[in-house]
Every structure is written in C-alpha cells, then in structure tokens.
C-alpha cells in the first residue's frame, strides 16, 4: 500500500497536540486545497505565472508544514512549464499529476475528520 500523503501526527504537532483543533484545521485545509487545485488548474492552463504564484503562495506555508512535498514539487514544476514555455503536453502532465495528488490529499483529509 502507498504511504499516506497526510500524516496525522504532523498535523497534531502543528497544533501542539491539541486534538480539539484537528477537525477545524482539517476542514480549513480541505477548503484551502480545493480552492488551490481549482485556481492552479485555471492559471496553469492559461499560462498565467503571476496568478499561479499568488495561488501557490496561499498554500505553500501550510503545505511545507504538512510535509506535502509532492504538491510543492508539482507547483515548482508548473512555474518552470510557464517560464520555459514548455509544450502543452508537458503542461497537461503537470495538471493531471496535481489533480491526482489533490484528489488523494483531499480524500485523506476528509478521512481524518471521520476517524475517531
């Protein structure tokens, strides 16, 4: 089985071990990463580097704290796709990988809320 993207212990440590805030943090994270994925898709598809950066900067600190290395790597790759004027095929690959990553991320976050 693949290793989970989301580490409950990392989140608990971010919250200084306070389980009471876990659900709230996770719910806000779901909203943030859903918005990120929608905007990422739009701005990368339009090759809009300025707005892509704005979108990335909104979630980058939380992604770093949660050790979401896959998301951060894809975000960095997406900026190169635009800066280096890479092919539409390369752009599509990054979009598909980010969509797949965010799908798993959001499912895992939702499962944390349902977990006891």
C-alpha atoms as a PDB file:
ATOM      1  CA  UNK A   1       0.000   0.000   0.000  1.00  0.00           C
ATOM      2  CA  UNK A   2       1.230   3.511  -0.761  1.00  0.00           C
ATOM      3  CA  UNK A   3       2.271   5.740   2.085  1.00  0.00           C
ATOM      4  CA  UNK A   4      -0.305   8.356   3.017  1.00  0.00           C
ATOM      5  CA  UNK A   5       0.218  11.939   1.914  1.00  0.00           C
ATOM      6  CA  UNK A   6      -1.244  13.304   5.138  1.00  0.00           C
ATOM      7  CA  UNK A   7       0.433  12.495   8.438  1.00  0.00           C
ATOM      8  CA  UNK A   8      -1.968  12.950  11.338  1.00  0.00           C
ATOM      9  CA  UNK A   9       0.935  13.236  13.789  1.00  0.00           C
ATOM     10  CA  UNK A  10       2.484  16.099  11.808  1.00  0.00           C
ATOM     11  CA  UNK A  11      -0.822  17.971  11.977  1.00  0.00           C
ATOM     12  CA  UNK A  12      -1.198  17.222  15.694  1.00  0.00           C
ATOM     13  CA  UNK A  13       2.307  18.577  16.277  1.00  0.00           C
ATOM     14  CA  UNK A  14       1.419  21.743  14.350  1.00  0.00           C
ATOM     15  CA  UNK A  15      -1.475  22.156  16.768  1.00  0.00           C
ATOM     16  CA  UNK A  16       0.747  21.465  19.785  1.00  0.00           C
ATOM     17  CA  UNK A  17      -1.017  18.143  20.346  1.00  0.00           C
ATOM     18  CA  UNK A  18      -4.448  19.711  20.773  1.00  0.00           C
ATOM     19  CA  UNK A  19      -6.902  17.238  19.208  1.00  0.00           C
ATOM     20  CA  UNK A  20      -9.770  19.710  19.689  1.00  0.00           C
ATOM     21  CA  UNK A  21      -8.465  21.812  16.828  1.00  0.00           C
ATOM     22  CA  UNK A  22      -7.702  18.935  14.485  1.00  0.00           C
ATOM     23  CA  UNK A  23     -11.121  18.809  12.808  1.00  0.00           C
ATOM     24  CA  UNK A  24     -11.210  22.566  12.397  1.00  0.00           C
ATOM     25  CA  UNK A  25      -7.695  22.649  10.929  1.00  0.00           C
ATOM     26  CA  UNK A  26      -8.536  19.799   8.556  1.00  0.00           C
ATOM     27  CA  UNK A  27     -11.785  21.437   7.425  1.00  0.00           C
ATOM     28  CA  UNK A  28      -9.982  24.703   6.666  1.00  0.00           C
ATOM     29  CA  UNK A  29      -7.267  22.726   4.862  1.00  0.00           C
ATOM     30  CA  UNK A  30      -9.875  20.993   2.689  1.00  0.00           C
ATOM     31  CA  UNK A  31     -11.283  24.371   1.655  1.00  0.00           C
ATOM     32  CA  UNK A  32      -7.808  25.803   1.014  1.00  0.00           C
ATOM     33  CA  UNK A  33      -6.531  22.869  -1.045  1.00  0.00           C
ATOM     34  CA  UNK A  34      -9.776  22.609  -3.024  1.00  0.00           C
ATOM     35  CA  UNK A  35      -9.502  26.303  -3.913  1.00  0.00           C
ATOM     36  CA  UNK A  36      -5.799  25.874  -4.654  1.00  0.00           C
ATOM     37  CA  UNK A  37      -6.421  22.996  -7.058  1.00  0.00           C
ATOM     38  CA  UNK A  38      -9.149  24.872  -8.940  1.00  0.00           C
ATOM     39  CA  UNK A  39      -7.024  28.011  -9.268  1.00  0.00           C
ATOM     40  CA  UNK A  40      -3.873  26.045 -10.070  1.00  0.00           C
ATOM     41  CA  UNK A  41      -5.692  24.328 -12.925  1.00  0.00           C
ATOM     42  CA  UNK A  42      -7.051  27.609 -14.273  1.00  0.00           C
ATOM     43  CA  UNK A  43      -3.840  29.624 -14.043  1.00  0.00           C
ATOM     44  CA  UNK A  44      -1.516  26.907 -15.338  1.00  0.00           C
ATOM     45  CA  UNK A  45      -3.883  26.199 -18.238  1.00  0.00           C
ATOM     46  CA  UNK A  46      -3.801  29.924 -19.089  1.00  0.00           C
ATOM     47  CA  UNK A  47      -0.016  30.058 -18.546  1.00  0.00           C
ATOM     48  CA  UNK A  48      -0.652  32.911 -16.114  1.00  0.00           C
ATOM     49  CA  UNK A  49       2.504  32.899 -13.990  1.00  0.00           C
ATOM     50  CA  UNK A  50       1.580  35.877 -11.797  1.00  0.00           C
ATOM     51  CA  UNK A  51      -1.732  34.394 -10.666  1.00  0.00           C
ATOM     52  CA  UNK A  52      -0.226  30.903 -10.435  1.00  0.00           C
ATOM     53  CA  UNK A  53       2.341  32.295  -7.994  1.00  0.00           C
ATOM     54  CA  UNK A  54      -0.381  34.016  -5.973  1.00  0.00           C
ATOM     55  CA  UNK A  55      -2.283  30.723  -5.815  1.00  0.00           C
ATOM     56  CA  UNK A  56       0.815  28.842  -4.724  1.00  0.00           C
ATOM     57  CA  UNK A  57       1.827  31.355  -2.090  1.00  0.00           C
ATOM     58  CA  UNK A  58      -1.542  30.963  -0.363  1.00  0.00           C
ATOM     59  CA  UNK A  59      -0.966  27.269   0.415  1.00  0.00           C
ATOM     60  CA  UNK A  60       2.803  26.940   0.319  1.00  0.00           C
ATOM     61  CA  UNK A  61       3.404  27.586   4.056  1.00  0.00           C
ATOM     62  CA  UNK A  62       0.772  25.052   5.138  1.00  0.00           C
ATOM     63  CA  UNK A  63       1.956  22.558   2.519  1.00  0.00           C
ATOM     64  CA  UNK A  64       5.504  22.923   3.844  1.00  0.00           C
ATOM     65  CA  UNK A  65       4.386  22.478   7.464  1.00  0.00           C
ATOM     66  CA  UNK A  66       2.369  19.393   6.487  1.00  0.00           C
ATOM     67  CA  UNK A  67       5.318  17.962   4.502  1.00  0.00           C
ATOM     68  CA  UNK A  68       3.306  17.851   1.261  1.00  0.00           C
ATOM     69  CA  UNK A  69       6.436  17.509  -0.844  1.00  0.00           C
ATOM     70  CA  UNK A  70       4.577  16.184  -3.888  1.00  0.00           C
ATOM     71  CA  UNK A  71       2.376  19.277  -4.077  1.00  0.00           C
ATOM     72  CA  UNK A  72       5.355  21.595  -3.643  1.00  0.00           C
ATOM     73  CA  UNK A  73       7.380  19.803  -6.328  1.00  0.00           C
ATOM     74  CA  UNK A  74       4.499  19.948  -8.812  1.00  0.00           C
ATOM     75  CA  UNK A  75       3.950  23.625  -8.041  1.00  0.00           C
ATOM     76  CA  UNK A  76       7.635  24.374  -8.708  1.00  0.00           C
ATOM     77  CA  UNK A  77       7.472  22.312 -11.918  1.00  0.00           C
ATOM     78  CA  UNK A  78       4.393  24.235 -13.067  1.00  0.00           C
ATOM     79  CA  UNK A  79       6.261  27.540 -12.813  1.00  0.00           C
ATOM     80  CA  UNK A  80       9.036  26.106 -15.000  1.00  0.00           C
ATOM     81  CA  UNK A  81       6.471  24.922 -17.553  1.00  0.00           C
ATOM     82  CA  UNK A  82       5.388  28.546 -17.991  1.00  0.00           C
ATOM     83  CA  UNK A  83       8.825  30.193 -17.643  1.00  0.00           C
ATOM     84  CA  UNK A  84      10.482  27.802 -20.098  1.00  0.00           C
ATOM     85  CA  UNK A  85       7.479  27.814 -22.455  1.00  0.00           C
ATOM     86  CA  UNK A  86       7.256  24.026 -22.348  1.00  0.00           C
ATOM     87  CA  UNK A  87       4.888  22.082 -24.580  1.00  0.00           C
ATOM     88  CA  UNK A  88       1.156  21.771 -23.976  1.00  0.00           C
ATOM     89  CA  UNK A  89       1.771  18.058 -23.413  1.00  0.00           C
ATOM     90  CA  UNK A  90       4.145  18.831 -20.526  1.00  0.00           C
ATOM     91  CA  UNK A  91       1.613  21.316 -19.119  1.00  0.00           C
ATOM     92  CA  UNK A  92      -1.107  18.661 -19.302  1.00  0.00           C
ATOM     93  CA  UNK A  93       1.094  16.129 -17.485  1.00  0.00           C
ATOM     94  CA  UNK A  94       1.655  18.559 -14.591  1.00  0.00           C
ATOM     95  CA  UNK A  95      -2.069  19.395 -14.458  1.00  0.00           C
ATOM     96  CA  UNK A  96      -3.038  15.720 -14.342  1.00  0.00           C
ATOM     97  CA  UNK A  97      -0.450  14.910 -11.669  1.00  0.00           C
ATOM     98  CA  UNK A  98      -1.586  17.824  -9.499  1.00  0.00           C
ATOM     99  CA  UNK A  99      -5.245  16.837  -9.909  1.00  0.00           C
ATOM    100  CA  UNK A 100      -4.438  13.267  -8.894  1.00  0.00           C
ATOM    101  CA  UNK A 101      -2.317  14.437  -5.948  1.00  0.00           C
ATOM    102  CA  UNK A 102      -5.015  16.818  -4.713  1.00  0.00           C
ATOM    103  CA  UNK A 103      -7.708  14.132  -5.088  1.00  0.00           C
ATOM    104  CA  UNK A 104      -5.754  11.827  -2.778  1.00  0.00           C
ATOM    105  CA  UNK A 105      -4.865  14.681  -0.430  1.00  0.00           C
ATOM    106  CA  UNK A 106      -8.495  15.789  -0.061  1.00  0.00           C
ATOM    107  CA  UNK A 107      -9.739  12.215   0.476  1.00  0.00           C
ATOM    108  CA  UNK A 108      -7.129  11.656   3.179  1.00  0.00           C
ATOM    109  CA  UNK A 109      -8.055  14.929   4.879  1.00  0.00           C
ATOM    110  CA  UNK A 110     -11.750  14.002   4.785  1.00  0.00           C
ATOM    111  CA  UNK A 111     -10.893  10.607   6.302  1.00  0.00           C
ATOM    112  CA  UNK A 112      -9.122  12.361   9.190  1.00  0.00           C
ATOM    113  CA  UNK A 113     -12.360  14.114  10.125  1.00  0.00           C
ATOM    114  CA  UNK A 114     -14.249  10.819  10.072  1.00  0.00           C
ATOM    115  CA  UNK A 115     -11.555   8.996  12.062  1.00  0.00           C
ATOM    116  CA  UNK A 116     -12.029   8.807  15.832  1.00  0.00           C
END
